[in-house]
Amino acid sequence: MQVLNGGLGADLKKRELAPGKKTKMKITVEGSHLKDLKSVPRILLITNDPENPKVMIKVNTTLTK
């Protein structure tokens, strides 16, 4: 797992999964670091799935005052 923006944090409950199993991912957003972004914040997952070796998760954010 690779977090591609400084204002994001991510944590997986399990790092290794058996085929067909699921886990939860917790994504933390620090709004003060995201206000000057020029692109959508993303998290990259590199897997051993031959059909999806790389999974890009885009994190949609809305900053409010």
PDB file of N, CA and C in Angstrom:
ATOM      1  N   MET A   1       0.851  -1.162   0.000  1.00  0.00           N
ATOM      2  CA  MET A   1       0.000   0.000   0.000  1.00  0.00           C
ATOM      3  C   MET A   1       0.899   1.228   0.000  1.00  0.00           C
ATOM      4  N   GLN A   2       0.557   2.200  -0.836  1.00  0.00           N
ATOM      5  CA  GLN A   2       1.324   3.430  -0.913  1.00  0.00           C
ATOM      6  C   GLN A   2       0.348   4.604  -0.943  1.00  0.00           C
ATOM      7  N   VAL A   3       0.505   5.535  -0.016  1.00  0.00           N
ATOM      8  CA  VAL A   3      -0.322   6.733   0.035  1.00  0.00           C
ATOM      9  C   VAL A   3       0.393   7.801  -0.785  1.00  0.00           C
ATOM     10  N   LEU A   4      -0.309   8.368  -1.775  1.00  0.00           N
ATOM     11  CA  LEU A   4       0.327   9.254  -2.741  1.00  0.00           C
ATOM     12  C   LEU A   4       0.164  10.741  -2.426  1.00  0.00           C
ATOM     13  N   ASN A   5      -0.422  11.101  -1.303  1.00  0.00           N
ATOM     14  CA  ASN A   5      -0.584  12.500  -0.922  1.00  0.00           C
ATOM     15  C   ASN A   5      -0.299  12.660   0.564  1.00  0.00           C
ATOM     16  N   GLY A   6       0.333  13.776   0.936  1.00  0.00           N
ATOM     17  CA  GLY A   6       0.729  14.008   2.313  1.00  0.00           C
ATOM     18  C   GLY A   6      -0.419  14.144   3.292  1.00  0.00           C
ATOM     19  N   GLY A   7      -1.588  14.559   2.853  1.00  0.00           N
ATOM     20  CA  GLY A   7      -2.713  14.771   3.753  1.00  0.00           C
ATOM     21  C   GLY A   7      -3.552  13.535   4.003  1.00  0.00           C
ATOM     22  N   LEU A   8      -3.126  12.390   3.485  1.00  0.00           N
ATOM     23  CA  LEU A   8      -3.878  11.148   3.655  1.00  0.00           C
ATOM     24  C   LEU A   8      -3.110  10.170   4.524  1.00  0.00           C
ATOM     25  N   GLY A   9      -3.859   9.344   5.212  1.00  0.00           N
ATOM     26  CA  GLY A   9      -3.299   8.213   5.941  1.00  0.00           C
ATOM     27  C   GLY A   9      -4.200   7.023   5.693  1.00  0.00           C
ATOM     28  N   ALA A  10      -3.640   5.825   5.660  1.00  0.00           N
ATOM     29  CA  ALA A  10      -4.442   4.629   5.413  1.00  0.00           C
ATOM     30  C   ALA A  10      -3.925   3.486   6.270  1.00  0.00           C
ATOM     31  N   ASP A  11      -4.860   2.648   6.703  1.00  0.00           N
ATOM     32  CA  ASP A  11      -4.509   1.501   7.531  1.00  0.00           C
ATOM     33  C   ASP A  11      -5.422   0.341   7.160  1.00  0.00           C
ATOM     34  N   LEU A  12      -4.822  -0.826   6.944  1.00  0.00           N
ATOM     35  CA  LEU A  12      -5.584  -2.040   6.656  1.00  0.00           C
ATOM     36  C   LEU A  12      -5.639  -2.909   7.901  1.00  0.00           C
ATOM     37  N   LYS A  13      -6.799  -3.547   8.148  1.00  0.00           N
ATOM     38  CA  LYS A  13      -6.896  -4.464   9.293  1.00  0.00           C
ATOM     39  C   LYS A  13      -6.026  -5.684   9.075  1.00  0.00           C
ATOM     40  N   LYS A  14      -5.997  -6.208   7.840  1.00  0.00           N
ATOM     41  CA  LYS A  14      -5.173  -7.376   7.504  1.00  0.00           C
ATOM     42  C   LYS A  14      -4.343  -7.036   6.275  1.00  0.00           C
ATOM     43  N   ARG A  15      -3.076  -7.392   6.294  1.00  0.00           N
ATOM     44  CA  ARG A  15      -2.188  -7.142   5.160  1.00  0.00           C
ATOM     45  C   ARG A  15      -2.241  -8.273   4.143  1.00  0.00           C
ATOM     46  N   GLU A  16      -2.539  -9.488   4.584  1.00  0.00           N
ATOM     47  CA  GLU A  16      -2.611 -10.639   3.696  1.00  0.00           C
ATOM     48  C   GLU A  16      -4.006 -11.246   3.781  1.00  0.00           C
ATOM     49  N   LEU A  17      -4.557 -11.550   2.604  1.00  0.00           N
ATOM     50  CA  LEU A  17      -5.902 -12.112   2.534  1.00  0.00           C
ATOM     51  C   LEU A  17      -5.894 -13.378   1.696  1.00  0.00           C
ATOM     52  N   ALA A  18      -6.698 -14.329   2.104  1.00  0.00           N
ATOM     53  CA  ALA A  18      -6.911 -15.528   1.294  1.00  0.00           C
ATOM     54  C   ALA A  18      -7.830 -15.153   0.124  1.00  0.00           C
ATOM     55  N   PRO A  19      -7.769 -15.895  -0.967  1.00  0.00           N
ATOM     56  CA  PRO A  19      -8.648 -15.595  -2.107  1.00  0.00           C
ATOM     57  C   PRO A  19     -10.116 -15.545  -1.696  1.00  0.00           C
ATOM     58  N   GLY A  20     -10.811 -14.499  -2.158  1.00  0.00           N
ATOM     59  CA  GLY A  20     -12.236 -14.341  -1.873  1.00  0.00           C
ATOM     60  C   GLY A  20     -12.554 -13.693  -0.542  1.00  0.00           C
ATOM     61  N   LYS A  21     -11.555 -13.396   0.276  1.00  0.00           N
ATOM     62  CA  LYS A  21     -11.782 -12.788   1.585  1.00  0.00           C
ATOM     63  C   LYS A  21     -11.732 -11.270   1.491  1.00  0.00           C
ATOM     64  N   LYS A  22     -12.238 -10.590   2.530  1.00  0.00           N
ATOM     65  CA  LYS A  22     -12.310  -9.131   2.576  1.00  0.00           C
ATOM     66  C   LYS A  22     -11.663  -8.612   3.850  1.00  0.00           C
ATOM     67  N   THR A  23     -11.311  -7.342   3.825  1.00  0.00           N
ATOM     68  CA  THR A  23     -10.854  -6.645   5.019  1.00  0.00           C
ATOM     69  C   THR A  23     -11.301  -5.196   4.922  1.00  0.00           C
ATOM     70  N   LYS A  24     -11.169  -4.464   5.998  1.00  0.00           N
ATOM     71  CA  LYS A  24     -11.547  -3.046   6.015  1.00  0.00           C
ATOM     72  C   LYS A  24     -10.310  -2.180   5.945  1.00  0.00           C
ATOM     73  N   MET A  25     -10.454  -1.035   5.271  1.00  0.00           N
ATOM     74  CA  MET A  25      -9.394  -0.045   5.183  1.00  0.00           C
ATOM     75  C   MET A  25      -9.904   1.247   5.821  1.00  0.00           C
ATOM     76  N   LYS A  26      -9.109   1.819   6.694  1.00  0.00           N
ATOM     77  CA  LYS A  26      -9.452   3.095   7.321  1.00  0.00           C
ATOM     78  C   LYS A  26      -8.593   4.167   6.656  1.00  0.00           C
ATOM     79  N   ILE A  27      -9.250   5.185   6.094  1.00  0.00           N
ATOM     80  CA  ILE A  27      -8.559   6.298   5.443  1.00  0.00           C
ATOM     81  C   ILE A  27      -8.778   7.541   6.287  1.00  0.00           C
ATOM     82  N   THR A  28      -7.682   8.206   6.640  1.00  0.00           N
ATOM     83  CA  THR A  28      -7.724   9.436   7.427  1.00  0.00           C
ATOM     84  C   THR A  28      -7.307  10.595   6.539  1.00  0.00           C
ATOM     85  N   VAL A  29      -8.073  11.686   6.613  1.00  0.00           N
ATOM     86  CA  VAL A  29      -7.797  12.860   5.796  1.00  0.00           C
ATOM     87  C   VAL A  29      -7.482  14.035   6.711  1.00  0.00           C
ATOM     88  N   GLU A  30      -6.355  14.694   6.470  1.00  0.00           N
ATOM     89  CA  GLU A  30      -5.975  15.908   7.197  1.00  0.00           C
ATOM     90  C   GLU A  30      -6.252  17.085   6.264  1.00  0.00           C
ATOM     91  N   GLY A  31      -7.360  17.772   6.510  1.00  0.00           N
ATOM     92  CA  GLY A  31      -7.842  18.824   5.616  1.00  0.00           C
ATOM     93  C   GLY A  31      -6.869  19.949   5.378  1.00  0.00           C
ATOM     94  N   SER A  32      -6.086  20.333   6.379  1.00  0.00           N
ATOM     95  CA  SER A  32      -5.171  21.460   6.208  1.00  0.00           C
ATOM     96  C   SER A  32      -4.070  21.157   5.198  1.00  0.00           C
ATOM     97  N   HIS A  33      -3.756  19.882   4.978  1.00  0.00           N
ATOM     98  CA  HIS A  33      -2.735  19.504   4.005  1.00  0.00           C
ATOM     99  C   HIS A  33      -3.302  19.349   2.598  1.00  0.00           C
ATOM    100  N   LEU A  34      -4.611  19.300   2.465  1.00  0.00           N
ATOM    101  CA  LEU A  34      -5.229  19.042   1.166  1.00  0.00           C
ATOM    102  C   LEU A  34      -5.748  20.289   0.468  1.00  0.00           C
ATOM    103  N   LYS A  35      -5.716  21.427   1.120  1.00  0.00           N
ATOM    104  CA  LYS A  35      -6.352  22.599   0.516  1.00  0.00           C
ATOM    105  C   LYS A  35      -5.636  23.112  -0.728  1.00  0.00           C
ATOM    106  N   ASP A  36      -4.364  22.811  -0.901  1.00  0.00           N
ATOM    107  CA  ASP A  36      -3.618  23.293  -2.064  1.00  0.00           C
ATOM    108  C   ASP A  36      -3.335  22.195  -3.087  1.00  0.00           C
ATOM    109  N   LEU A  37      -4.114  21.133  -3.073  1.00  0.00           N
ATOM    110  CA  LEU A  37      -3.891  20.024  -3.999  1.00  0.00           C
ATOM    111  C   LEU A  37      -4.213  20.407  -5.430  1.00  0.00           C
ATOM    112  N   LYS A  38      -3.445  19.854  -6.353  1.00  0.00           N
ATOM    113  CA  LYS A  38      -3.703  20.071  -7.775  1.00  0.00           C
ATOM    114  C   LYS A  38      -4.256  18.814  -8.431  1.00  0.00           C
ATOM    115  N   SER A  39      -4.335  17.712  -7.679  1.00  0.00           N
ATOM    116  CA  SER A  39      -4.888  16.466  -8.213  1.00  0.00           C
ATOM    117  C   SER A  39      -5.702  15.775  -7.121  1.00  0.00           C
ATOM    118  N   VAL A  40      -6.409  14.731  -7.517  1.00  0.00           N
ATOM    119  CA  VAL A  40      -7.243  13.973  -6.584  1.00  0.00           C
ATOM    120  C   VAL A  40      -6.336  13.121  -5.683  1.00  0.00           C
ATOM    121  N   PRO A  41      -6.520  13.154  -4.364  1.00  0.00           N
ATOM    122  CA  PRO A  41      -5.720  12.299  -3.478  1.00  0.00           C
ATOM    123  C   PRO A  41      -5.967  10.822  -3.801  1.00  0.00           C
ATOM    124  N   ARG A  42      -4.879  10.017  -3.758  1.00  0.00           N
ATOM    125  CA  ARG A  42      -4.981   8.616  -4.158  1.00  0.00           C
ATOM    126  C   ARG A  42      -4.184   7.710  -3.235  1.00  0.00           C
ATOM    127  N   ILE A  43      -4.618   6.449  -3.213  1.00  0.00           N
ATOM    128  CA  ILE A  43      -3.904   5.387  -2.506  1.00  0.00           C
ATOM    129  C   ILE A  43      -3.691   4.261  -3.512  1.00  0.00           C
ATOM    130  N   LEU A  44      -2.461   3.766  -3.586  1.00  0.00           N
ATOM    131  CA  LEU A  44      -2.119   2.691  -4.506  1.00  0.00           C
ATOM    132  C   LEU A  44      -1.965   1.388  -3.735  1.00  0.00           C
ATOM    133  N   LEU A  45      -2.701   0.362  -4.170  1.00  0.00           N
ATOM    134  CA  LEU A  45      -2.566  -0.975  -3.608  1.00  0.00           C
ATOM    135  C   LEU A  45      -1.896  -1.856  -4.652  1.00  0.00           C
ATOM    136  N   ILE A  46      -0.825  -2.520  -4.272  1.00  0.00           N
ATOM    137  CA  ILE A  46      -0.167  -3.466  -5.150  1.00  0.00           C
ATOM    138  C   ILE A  46      -0.515  -4.856  -4.630  1.00  0.00           C
ATOM    139  N   THR A  47      -1.109  -5.669  -5.494  1.00  0.00           N
ATOM    140  CA  THR A  47      -1.634  -6.968  -5.075  1.00  0.00           C
ATOM    141  C   THR A  47      -0.968  -8.095  -5.852  1.00  0.00           C
ATOM    142  N   ASN A  48      -1.238  -9.321  -5.433  1.00  0.00           N
ATOM    143  CA  ASN A  48      -0.774 -10.472  -6.195  1.00  0.00           C
ATOM    144  C   ASN A  48      -1.890 -11.064  -7.045  1.00  0.00           C
ATOM    145  N   ASP A  49      -2.946 -10.307  -7.272  1.00  0.00           N
ATOM    146  CA  ASP A  49      -4.054 -10.706  -8.132  1.00  0.00           C
ATOM    147  C   ASP A  49      -3.620 -10.520  -9.589  1.00  0.00           C
ATOM    148  N   PRO A  50      -3.551 -11.588 -10.387  1.00  0.00           N
ATOM    149  CA  PRO A  50      -3.085 -11.447 -11.762  1.00  0.00           C
ATOM    150  C   PRO A  50      -3.983 -10.564 -12.633  1.00  0.00           C
ATOM    151  N   GLU A  51      -5.260 -10.440 -12.278  1.00  0.00           N
ATOM    152  CA  GLU A  51      -6.170  -9.604 -13.057  1.00  0.00           C
ATOM    153  C   GLU A  51      -6.112  -8.141 -12.637  1.00  0.00           C
ATOM    154  N   ASN A  52      -5.720  -7.843 -11.400  1.00  0.00           N
ATOM    155  CA  ASN A  52      -5.641  -6.476 -10.877  1.00  0.00           C
ATOM    156  C   ASN A  52      -4.372  -6.298 -10.048  1.00  0.00           C
ATOM    157  N   PRO A  53      -3.198  -6.286 -10.679  1.00  0.00           N
ATOM    158  CA  PRO A  53      -1.961  -6.187  -9.896  1.00  0.00           C
ATOM    159  C   PRO A  53      -1.801  -4.840  -9.189  1.00  0.00           C
ATOM    160  N   LYS A  54      -2.379  -3.788  -9.757  1.00  0.00           N
ATOM    161  CA  LYS A  54      -2.346  -2.464  -9.127  1.00  0.00           C
ATOM    162  C   LYS A  54      -3.763  -1.928  -9.063  1.00  0.00           C
ATOM    163  N   VAL A  55      -4.159  -1.461  -7.880  1.00  0.00           N
ATOM    164  CA  VAL A  55      -5.493  -0.884  -7.683  1.00  0.00           C
ATOM    165  C   VAL A  55      -5.301   0.534  -7.162  1.00  0.00           C
ATOM    166  N   MET A  56      -5.824   1.520  -7.893  1.00  0.00           N
ATOM    167  CA  MET A  56      -5.732   2.919  -7.495  1.00  0.00           C
ATOM    168  C   MET A  56      -7.063   3.328  -6.865  1.00  0.00           C
ATOM    169  N   ILE A  57      -7.008   3.804  -5.625  1.00  0.00           N
ATOM    170  CA  ILE A  57      -8.205   4.265  -4.918  1.00  0.00           C
ATOM    171  C   ILE A  57      -8.159   5.785  -4.876  1.00  0.00           C
ATOM    172  N   LYS A  58      -9.123   6.424  -5.536  1.00  0.00           N
ATOM    173  CA  LYS A  58      -9.225   7.878  -5.499  1.00  0.00           C
ATOM    174  C   LYS A  58     -10.085   8.274  -4.305  1.00  0.00           C
ATOM    175  N   VAL A  59      -9.635   9.261  -3.556  1.00  0.00           N
ATOM    176  CA  VAL A  59     -10.345   9.712  -2.367  1.00  0.00           C
ATOM    177  C   VAL A  59     -10.973  11.070  -2.684  1.00  0.00           C
ATOM    178  N   ASN A  60     -12.296  11.092  -2.773  1.00  0.00           N
ATOM    179  CA  ASN A  60     -13.005  12.352  -3.040  1.00  0.00           C
ATOM    180  C   ASN A  60     -13.180  13.107  -1.732  1.00  0.00           C
ATOM    181  N   THR A  61     -12.779  14.378  -1.732  1.00  0.00           N
ATOM    182  CA  THR A  61     -12.871  15.191  -0.532  1.00  0.00           C
ATOM    183  C   THR A  61     -13.608  16.493  -0.825  1.00  0.00           C
ATOM    184  N   THR A  62     -14.231  17.034   0.201  1.00  0.00           N
ATOM    185  CA  THR A  62     -14.858  18.353   0.143  1.00  0.00           C
ATOM    186  C   THR A  62     -14.436  19.091   1.390  1.00  0.00           C
ATOM    187  N   LEU A  63     -13.730  20.200   1.212  1.00  0.00           N
ATOM    188  CA  LEU A  63     -13.291  20.986   2.361  1.00  0.00           C
ATOM    189  C   LEU A  63     -14.360  21.999   2.716  1.00  0.00           C
ATOM    190  N   THR A  64     -14.674  22.085   3.989  1.00  0.00           N
ATOM    191  CA  THR A  64     -15.631  23.078   4.488  1.00  0.00           C
ATOM    192  C   THR A  64     -14.958  23.893   5.575  1.00  0.00           C
ATOM    193  N   LYS A  65     -15.476  25.078   5.776  1.00  0.00           N
ATOM    194  CA  LYS A  65     -14.919  25.971   6.812  1.00  0.00           C
ATOM    195  C   LYS A  65     -15.689  25.835   8.089  1.00  0.00           C
TER     196      LYS A  65
END
